[in-house]
């Protein structure tokens, strides 16, 4: 009759409890080792110096960043005189304590928390024969013991022929120092923070939309100082001043229609969270948002063609108006730049000089149209934004038809779980 279930939740704390009951051997193989388990091995070895402890790990910065184990755990083993072997690519887990053993699925804390109870099992307990067969392959001490207790010379020879599966090299101080330096140079994100953020990641993304280069009605050119110095008559003073509008604000080349449509997209798909906290989109609505933006880009391309075909004529007319205005002023008082370099200053010379001055400030239609763009930028939620006191209320107000309390409860639970894991 089976006294207990073969399925169980084997967390690092529960493994530590099992290790503290060991009487003659502990064998552990997994991608990494957490501090609770490693400290239990160190403590038990201090209590029982004859205890056989064998540890195999895939010890590198990637496994640590995934949360399969901790750097502190390996340092605790080294401090106790336990040197793990390096087993690259190892992703399953095995724990043997005396004559009991388990195959387990190691927990990557980057993705999820460790199992709390047997209601979330991650291990299968092995039979006594399975434990014996695995121990021989994972521990030289267990292999020597099995050879010594073999029933026949042939059995001993067969056991001796089994190749241990420990890893290809020891995690020596140099290996430990190299990984420690890599982690120090680029510390991993705290796992509870990552898990908390992941609660909301499937729901929301921050979005920035911008329409640039299309607002021809807001483009102005600054009249060069050399022309301003020629003076201005009262009747044109209000029109020219020091800047000049490229087109009229109610021109057919205005981008107002495109801007109105973009504002409608913002209102329907990316509501503001208020207080300068940005705009967000529901990820489930993002495909429709992208479709609307694609449609708007088609309209922008058509607007761009229209502007490019008509704008140069308007620019040329505006430039001629400025030239015609300043020509008599320059004729009346020719600038030194012309007088100092010509025997006789003609109207053609003056016109050419004014056009050259304006060429530096008047854009071409092609250059203006090339700058037209509708840009969308997306950023995932961060721990800092999620922890704003008004975050939940802001999201509820923006999307009132969604039950955010459930997601927020999961968010808080992830943080509480981390606090509990730090308890002694």
Protein backbone atom coordinates (compact mmCIF):
# COMPACT_ATOMS: atom_id res chain seq x y z
CA UNK A 1 0.00 0.00 0.00
CA UNK A 2 1.40 3.42 -0.95
CA UNK A 3 1.87 5.55 2.15
CA UNK A 4 2.17 8.84 0.32
CA UNK A 5 1.61 10.33 -3.11
CA UNK A 6 4.46 10.04 -5.61
CA UNK A 7 3.56 13.55 -6.86
CA UNK A 8 4.60 16.48 -4.71
CA UNK A 9 5.52 20.14 -4.78
CA UNK A 10 9.26 20.25 -4.24
CA UNK A 11 10.35 23.82 -3.53
CA UNK A 12 13.86 24.84 -2.48
CA UNK A 13 12.66 25.11 1.15
CA UNK A 14 11.15 21.64 1.07
CA UNK A 15 14.31 20.22 -0.49
CA UNK A 16 16.30 21.95 2.28
CA UNK A 17 14.11 20.21 4.88
CA UNK A 18 14.76 16.82 3.24
CA UNK A 19 18.51 17.49 3.05
CA UNK A 20 18.63 18.28 6.77
CA UNK A 21 17.37 14.75 7.45
CA UNK A 22 20.16 13.06 5.41
CA UNK A 23 22.21 10.45 7.21
CA UNK A 24 24.74 9.29 4.61
CA UNK A 25 24.30 10.92 1.19
CA UNK A 26 22.83 13.81 -0.76
CA UNK A 27 22.87 13.91 -4.58
CA UNK A 28 21.56 16.94 -6.41
CA UNK A 29 21.52 17.66 -10.15
CA UNK A 30 19.68 20.64 -11.66
CA UNK A 31 20.30 23.81 -13.69
CA UNK A 32 20.95 25.73 -10.48
CA UNK A 33 20.58 25.66 -6.72
CA UNK A 34 18.78 28.12 -4.45
CA UNK A 35 20.34 29.37 -1.24
CA UNK A 36 17.93 27.48 1.06
CA UNK A 37 18.93 24.12 -0.40
CA UNK A 38 22.64 24.91 -0.60
CA UNK A 39 22.76 26.18 2.99
CA UNK A 40 21.01 23.02 4.19
CA UNK A 41 23.72 20.93 2.47
CA UNK A 42 26.46 23.04 4.03
CA UNK A 43 24.89 22.84 7.48
CA UNK A 44 24.29 19.10 7.31
CA UNK A 45 27.83 18.45 6.12
CA UNK A 46 29.07 20.46 9.09
CA UNK A 47 27.04 18.22 11.38
CA UNK A 48 28.00 14.98 9.58
CA UNK A 49 31.53 15.33 8.10
CA UNK A 50 31.26 11.81 6.60
CA UNK A 51 28.13 12.79 4.63
CA UNK A 52 28.57 12.30 0.88
CA UNK A 53 27.37 15.38 -1.03
CA UNK A 54 27.42 15.47 -4.85
CA UNK A 55 26.11 18.46 -6.80
CA UNK A 56 25.90 18.96 -10.59
CA UNK A 57 24.78 22.31 -12.04
CA UNK A 58 24.57 24.17 -15.33
CA UNK A 59 26.35 27.09 -13.73
CA UNK A 60 26.42 30.14 -15.99
CA UNK A 61 24.94 33.62 -16.04
CA UNK A 62 22.00 32.60 -18.26
CA UNK A 63 20.63 30.05 -15.77
CA UNK A 64 21.05 32.58 -12.97
CA UNK A 65 19.20 35.24 -14.97
CA UNK A 66 16.37 32.77 -15.55
CA UNK A 67 16.18 32.17 -11.81
CA UNK A 68 17.02 28.47 -11.84
CA UNK A 69 19.38 29.07 -8.95
CA UNK A 70 21.31 31.76 -7.16
CA UNK A 71 24.91 32.87 -7.06
CA UNK A 72 24.68 32.93 -3.26
CA UNK A 73 23.74 29.25 -3.29
CA UNK A 74 26.90 28.24 -5.16
CA UNK A 75 29.01 30.49 -2.94
CA UNK A 76 27.54 28.75 0.13
CA UNK A 77 28.53 25.36 -1.33
CA UNK A 78 32.08 26.55 -1.99
CA UNK A 79 32.37 27.98 1.51
CA UNK A 80 31.39 24.56 2.91
CA UNK A 81 33.99 22.80 0.75
CA UNK A 82 31.45 21.44 -1.76
CA UNK A 83 32.62 21.96 -5.35
CA UNK A 84 29.79 21.32 -7.84
CA UNK A 85 30.46 19.94 -11.29
CA UNK A 86 29.43 21.95 -14.35
CA UNK A 87 26.80 20.19 -16.48
CA UNK A 88 26.07 22.49 -19.49
CA UNK A 89 22.48 22.47 -20.74
CA UNK A 90 21.05 20.51 -17.81
CA UNK A 91 17.36 21.38 -17.42
CA UNK A 92 15.84 18.51 -15.45
CA UNK A 93 16.27 18.12 -11.71
CA UNK A 94 17.15 15.16 -9.50
CA UNK A 95 17.34 15.02 -5.71
CA UNK A 96 18.45 11.95 -3.78
CA UNK A 97 18.55 11.95 0.01
CA UNK A 98 19.78 8.65 1.42
CA UNK A 99 17.54 6.02 -0.26
CA UNK A 100 14.74 8.37 -1.38
CA UNK A 101 14.83 10.24 -4.67
CA UNK A 102 12.80 12.57 -6.86
CA UNK A 103 12.75 13.68 -10.48
CA UNK A 104 11.64 17.30 -10.53
CA UNK A 105 10.97 20.19 -12.87
CA UNK A 106 13.16 23.06 -11.69
CA UNK A 107 11.40 26.40 -11.36
CA UNK A 108 12.63 29.36 -13.40
CA UNK A 109 11.77 32.20 -11.03
CA UNK A 110 11.90 34.63 -13.94
CA UNK A 111 8.71 32.97 -15.21
CA UNK A 112 6.88 31.77 -12.11
CA UNK A 113 7.15 31.26 -8.39
CA UNK A 114 8.13 28.00 -6.73
CA UNK A 115 5.36 25.52 -5.82
CA UNK A 116 3.72 26.26 -2.49
CA UNK A 117 2.23 22.84 -1.80
CA UNK A 118 1.46 19.43 -3.20
CA UNK A 119 -1.54 20.99 -4.94
CA UNK A 120 0.97 22.29 -7.52
CA UNK A 121 3.27 19.27 -7.91
CA UNK A 122 6.55 19.54 -9.81
CA UNK A 123 8.20 16.26 -8.80
CA UNK A 124 7.78 12.50 -8.99
CA UNK A 125 9.21 10.28 -6.26
CA UNK A 126 11.34 7.39 -7.52
CA UNK A 127 11.32 3.78 -6.50
CA UNK A 128 14.21 2.36 -4.49
CA UNK A 129 15.63 0.61 -7.57
CA UNK A 130 15.40 3.82 -9.62
CA UNK A 131 17.20 5.73 -6.86
CA UNK A 132 19.99 3.16 -6.81
CA UNK A 133 20.39 3.24 -10.61
CA UNK A 134 20.51 7.05 -10.75
CA UNK A 135 22.84 7.38 -7.77
CA UNK A 136 25.47 5.22 -9.49
CA UNK A 137 25.45 7.51 -12.51
CA UNK A 138 25.47 10.78 -10.59
CA UNK A 139 27.81 10.12 -7.67
CA UNK A 140 31.28 8.50 -7.69
CA UNK A 141 30.83 7.73 -4.00
CA UNK A 142 27.53 5.93 -4.68
CA UNK A 143 29.20 4.01 -7.53
CA UNK A 144 32.04 2.90 -5.24
CA UNK A 145 29.55 1.83 -2.58
CA UNK A 146 27.52 -0.15 -5.12
CA UNK A 147 30.67 -1.91 -6.35
CA UNK A 148 31.59 -2.81 -2.79
CA UNK A 149 28.17 -4.30 -2.14
CA UNK A 150 27.82 -6.09 -5.47
CA UNK A 151 26.58 -9.68 -5.18
CA UNK A 152 29.04 -11.07 -7.76
CA UNK A 153 32.29 -10.02 -9.44
CA UNK A 154 30.44 -9.73 -12.75
CA UNK A 155 27.91 -7.34 -11.18
CA UNK A 156 30.73 -5.27 -9.68
CA UNK A 157 32.45 -5.17 -13.07
CA UNK A 158 29.23 -4.05 -14.77
CA UNK A 159 28.71 -1.26 -12.22
CA UNK A 160 32.33 -0.14 -12.58
CA UNK A 161 31.84 0.13 -16.36
CA UNK A 162 29.02 2.66 -15.94
CA UNK A 163 30.19 6.10 -16.94
CA UNK A 164 29.26 8.78 -14.37
CA UNK A 165 27.13 11.66 -15.66
CA UNK A 166 28.42 14.51 -13.54
CA UNK A 167 29.28 17.25 -15.99
CA UNK A 168 32.46 18.03 -17.87
CA UNK A 169 34.33 20.23 -15.38
CA UNK A 170 34.24 21.49 -11.80
CA UNK A 171 32.74 24.83 -10.82
CA UNK A 172 36.09 25.96 -9.45
CA UNK A 173 36.87 29.40 -7.94
CA UNK A 174 37.88 30.78 -11.36
CA UNK A 175 34.56 29.67 -12.91
CA UNK A 176 32.66 31.10 -9.95
CA UNK A 177 34.52 34.41 -10.17
CA UNK A 178 33.86 34.74 -13.94
CA UNK A 179 30.11 34.22 -13.55
CA UNK A 180 30.01 36.50 -10.51
CA UNK A 181 31.69 39.29 -12.51
CA UNK A 182 29.24 38.88 -15.40
CA UNK A 183 26.28 39.15 -13.03
CA UNK A 184 27.82 42.17 -11.27
CA UNK A 185 28.33 43.95 -14.60
CA UNK A 186 24.70 43.40 -15.64
CA UNK A 187 22.57 42.49 -12.61
CA UNK A 188 19.40 40.53 -13.39
CA UNK A 189 16.00 42.06 -12.75
CA UNK A 190 14.38 40.98 -9.49
CA UNK A 191 12.23 37.98 -10.25
CA UNK A 192 9.21 39.08 -8.21
CA UNK A 193 9.23 42.37 -10.13
CA UNK A 194 9.33 40.54 -13.48
CA UNK A 195 6.45 38.30 -12.45
CA UNK A 196 4.38 41.24 -11.24
CA UNK A 197 4.90 43.10 -14.51
CA UNK A 198 4.00 39.97 -16.46
CA UNK A 199 0.51 40.01 -14.90
CA UNK A 200 -0.37 43.16 -16.85
CA UNK A 201 1.79 42.58 -19.93
CA UNK A 202 -0.91 40.57 -21.75
CA UNK A 203 -3.39 43.41 -21.26
CA UNK A 204 -1.69 46.74 -21.94
CA UNK A 205 0.96 48.60 -23.87
CA UNK A 206 1.89 52.24 -23.74
CA UNK A 207 1.57 53.95 -27.14
CA UNK A 208 2.93 57.16 -28.61
CA UNK A 209 1.49 58.36 -31.93
CA UNK A 210 2.89 61.32 -33.81
CA UNK A 211 2.17 62.85 -37.21
CA UNK A 212 5.19 64.85 -38.30
CA UNK A 213 6.02 66.98 -41.32
CA UNK A 214 2.45 67.15 -42.63
CA UNK A 215 1.36 70.47 -41.12
CA UNK A 216 2.35 72.77 -43.98
CA UNK A 217 0.01 75.42 -42.59
CA UNK A 218 2.33 75.81 -39.62
CA UNK A 219 5.55 76.12 -41.62
CA UNK A 220 7.24 79.51 -41.61
CA UNK A 221 10.48 80.84 -43.01
CA UNK A 222 12.57 83.48 -41.30
CA UNK A 223 13.49 86.46 -43.45
CA UNK A 224 17.30 86.69 -43.60
CA UNK A 225 18.80 89.49 -41.54
CA UNK A 226 20.45 90.97 -44.64
CA UNK A 227 17.00 91.55 -46.14
CA UNK A 228 15.45 92.82 -42.92
CA UNK A 229 18.15 95.48 -42.80
CA UNK A 230 16.85 96.91 -46.08
CA UNK A 231 13.80 98.24 -44.25
CA UNK A 232 10.08 97.70 -44.78
CA UNK A 233 7.11 99.82 -45.72
CA UNK A 234 4.13 100.21 -43.39
CA UNK A 235 1.66 98.41 -45.67
CA UNK A 236 3.67 95.13 -45.76
CA UNK A 237 5.19 95.33 -42.31
CA UNK A 238 2.40 93.30 -40.72
CA UNK A 239 2.60 90.59 -43.38
CA UNK A 240 6.33 90.09 -43.55
CA UNK A 241 7.83 91.14 -40.25
CA UNK A 242 10.69 88.65 -39.70
CA UNK A 243 8.87 85.45 -40.72
CA UNK A 244 6.73 84.38 -43.65
CA UNK A 245 3.91 81.77 -43.75
CA UNK A 246 4.51 79.22 -46.50
CA UNK A 247 0.80 78.61 -47.13
CA UNK A 248 -2.50 79.91 -45.79
CA UNK A 249 -3.88 78.11 -42.74
CA UNK A 250 -7.11 77.18 -44.55
CA UNK A 251 -5.28 75.95 -47.65
CA UNK A 252 -6.24 72.66 -49.30
CA UNK A 253 -2.70 71.52 -48.45
CA UNK A 254 -3.45 71.76 -44.72
CA UNK A 255 -3.08 68.58 -42.65
CA UNK A 256 -6.09 69.34 -40.44
CA UNK A 257 -8.15 66.43 -41.79
CA UNK A 258 -5.36 63.95 -41.09
CA UNK A 259 -4.80 65.37 -37.62
CA UNK A 260 -8.52 65.14 -36.81
CA UNK A 261 -8.56 61.47 -37.86
CA UNK A 262 -5.46 60.74 -35.76
CA UNK A 263 -7.10 62.35 -32.74
CA UNK A 264 -10.15 60.16 -33.31
CA UNK A 265 -7.90 57.07 -33.31
CA UNK A 266 -6.31 58.25 -30.06
CA UNK A 267 -9.73 58.74 -28.46
CA UNK A 268 -11.08 55.32 -29.53
CA UNK A 269 -8.01 53.08 -29.11
CA UNK A 270 -5.44 54.70 -26.82
CA UNK A 271 -7.14 56.61 -24.01
CA UNK A 272 -4.99 58.73 -21.74
CA UNK A 273 -4.34 57.60 -18.19
CA UNK A 274 -4.23 61.26 -17.19
CA UNK A 275 -1.71 63.29 -15.21
CA UNK A 276 0.90 63.03 -17.95
CA UNK A 277 1.01 59.24 -17.52
CA UNK A 278 0.70 58.54 -21.22
CA UNK A 279 -1.74 56.57 -23.36
CA UNK A 280 -2.31 52.82 -23.45
CA UNK A 281 -3.86 50.31 -25.81
CA UNK A 282 -5.47 47.01 -24.96
CA UNK A 283 -3.32 44.36 -26.61
CA UNK A 284 -6.45 42.58 -27.80
CA UNK A 285 -7.39 45.80 -29.66
CA UNK A 286 -3.91 46.42 -31.04
CA UNK A 287 -4.52 44.61 -34.39
CA UNK A 288 -7.48 46.93 -35.06
CA UNK A 289 -5.38 49.93 -34.05
CA UNK A 290 -2.66 48.87 -36.49
CA UNK A 291 -5.30 48.50 -39.22
CA UNK A 292 -6.55 52.06 -38.59
CA UNK A 293 -3.01 53.40 -38.68
CA UNK A 294 -2.34 51.59 -41.95
CA UNK A 295 -5.45 53.20 -43.45
CA UNK A 296 -4.30 56.61 -42.21
CA UNK A 297 -0.85 56.09 -43.73
CA UNK A 298 -2.51 55.46 -47.11
CA UNK A 299 -4.29 58.81 -46.76
CA UNK A 300 -1.04 60.45 -45.67
CA UNK A 301 0.70 59.12 -48.79
CA UNK A 302 -2.07 60.57 -50.99
CA UNK A 303 -1.82 63.90 -49.14
CA UNK A 304 1.94 63.83 -49.59
CA UNK A 305 1.57 63.46 -53.38
CA UNK A 306 -0.95 66.28 -53.55
CA UNK A 307 1.24 68.57 -51.48
CA UNK A 308 4.36 67.79 -53.48
CA UNK A 309 2.62 68.50 -56.79
CA UNK A 310 1.09 71.81 -55.67
CA UNK A 311 3.39 73.13 -52.98
CA UNK A 312 6.36 74.05 -55.15
CA UNK A 313 4.19 76.42 -57.16
CA UNK A 314 3.03 78.09 -53.94
CA UNK A 315 6.60 78.25 -52.63
CA UNK A 316 7.81 79.82 -55.86
CA UNK A 317 4.99 82.37 -55.71
CA UNK A 318 5.75 83.19 -52.08
CA UNK A 319 9.43 83.58 -52.85
CA UNK A 320 8.64 85.87 -55.82
CA UNK A 321 6.45 88.00 -53.58
CA UNK A 322 9.31 88.46 -51.13
CA UNK A 323 11.80 89.20 -53.96
CA UNK A 324 9.47 91.74 -55.54
CA UNK A 325 8.99 93.42 -52.20
CA UNK A 326 12.67 93.76 -51.34
CA UNK A 327 13.92 94.59 -54.86
CA UNK A 328 13.00 98.33 -54.80
CA UNK A 329 14.35 98.62 -51.26
CA UNK A 330 17.67 97.11 -52.31
CA UNK A 331 17.72 99.29 -55.45
CA UNK A 332 17.26 102.39 -53.32
CA UNK A 333 19.98 101.35 -50.89
CA UNK A 334 22.17 98.60 -52.42
CA UNK A 335 23.76 96.34 -49.79
CA UNK A 336 27.53 96.46 -49.29
CA UNK A 337 27.73 92.79 -50.32
CA UNK A 338 26.83 93.89 -53.87
CA UNK A 339 28.46 97.30 -54.01
CA UNK A 340 31.82 95.96 -52.90
CA UNK A 341 32.00 93.32 -55.60
CA UNK A 342 30.51 94.91 -58.72
CA UNK A 343 31.41 97.86 -60.97
CA UNK A 344 27.73 98.61 -61.57
CA UNK A 345 24.77 97.13 -59.64
CA UNK A 346 21.81 96.18 -61.89
CA UNK A 347 18.32 94.95 -61.05
CA UNK A 348 19.34 91.46 -62.19
CA UNK A 349 22.24 91.53 -59.73
CA UNK A 350 19.93 92.65 -56.92
CA UNK A 351 17.29 90.04 -57.77
CA UNK A 352 19.90 87.29 -57.89
CA UNK A 353 21.34 88.40 -54.56
CA UNK A 354 17.88 88.39 -52.89
CA UNK A 355 17.12 84.94 -54.34
CA UNK A 356 20.44 83.61 -53.02
CA UNK A 357 19.65 84.96 -49.56
CA UNK A 358 16.21 83.34 -49.63
CA UNK A 359 17.52 80.03 -50.99
CA UNK A 360 19.12 79.38 -47.61
CA UNK A 361 15.79 79.65 -45.76
CA UNK A 362 13.14 78.63 -48.30
CA UNK A 363 12.64 74.84 -48.36
CA UNK A 364 11.79 72.84 -51.45
CA UNK A 365 8.51 70.98 -51.74
CA UNK A 366 10.38 67.67 -52.08
CA UNK A 367 12.32 68.25 -48.85
CA UNK A 368 9.18 69.18 -46.93
CA UNK A 369 7.19 66.22 -48.20
CA UNK A 370 9.99 63.78 -47.52
CA UNK A 371 9.71 64.61 -43.81
CA UNK A 372 6.06 63.51 -43.60
CA UNK A 373 5.64 60.50 -41.34
CA UNK A 374 3.11 58.82 -39.08
CA UNK A 375 5.06 57.13 -36.29
CA UNK A 376 3.82 54.71 -33.64
CA UNK A 377 5.96 53.59 -30.72
CA UNK A 378 5.02 50.92 -28.18
CA UNK A 379 6.39 50.30 -24.69
CA UNK A 380 5.42 47.56 -22.29
CA UNK A 381 4.29 48.40 -18.78
CA UNK A 382 7.00 48.66 -16.14
CA UNK A 383 7.11 47.94 -12.44
CA UNK A 384 7.41 51.67 -11.70
CA UNK A 385 4.28 52.58 -13.64
CA UNK A 386 2.30 49.68 -12.19
CA UNK A 387 3.18 50.80 -8.67
CA UNK A 388 1.83 54.31 -9.11
CA UNK A 389 -0.86 54.88 -6.47
CA UNK A 390 -3.36 55.95 -9.12
CA UNK A 391 -2.51 53.29 -11.73
CA UNK A 392 -5.47 50.97 -11.13
CA UNK A 393 -8.00 53.81 -10.92
CA UNK A 394 -6.57 55.37 -14.10
CA UNK A 395 -6.86 52.08 -16.00
CA UNK A 396 -10.38 51.48 -14.68
CA UNK A 397 -11.43 54.92 -15.89
CA UNK A 398 -9.85 54.36 -19.31
CA UNK A 399 -11.34 50.87 -19.79
CA UNK A 400 -14.39 50.61 -17.49
CA UNK A 401 -15.77 47.42 -19.06
CA UNK A 402 -12.87 45.22 -17.95
CA UNK A 403 -12.50 43.63 -14.52
CA UNK A 404 -9.09 44.95 -13.48
CA UNK A 405 -9.44 43.92 -9.82
CA UNK A 406 -8.61 40.28 -10.63
CA UNK A 407 -5.41 41.24 -12.48
CA UNK A 408 -4.43 43.68 -9.75
CA UNK A 409 -4.95 41.03 -7.05
CA UNK A 410 -2.60 38.72 -8.97
CA UNK A 411 -0.11 41.59 -9.24
CA UNK A 412 -0.17 42.16 -5.48
CA UNK A 413 0.03 38.41 -4.78
CA UNK A 414 3.25 38.12 -6.78
CA UNK A 415 4.86 40.74 -4.56
CA UNK A 416 3.53 39.17 -1.38
CA UNK A 417 4.90 35.80 -2.47
CA UNK A 418 8.36 37.32 -2.81
CA UNK A 419 8.13 38.84 0.66
CA UNK A 420 7.17 35.44 2.04
CA UNK A 421 10.10 33.75 0.28
CA UNK A 422 12.50 36.05 2.16
CA UNK A 423 11.15 35.00 5.53
CA UNK A 424 13.48 32.77 7.58
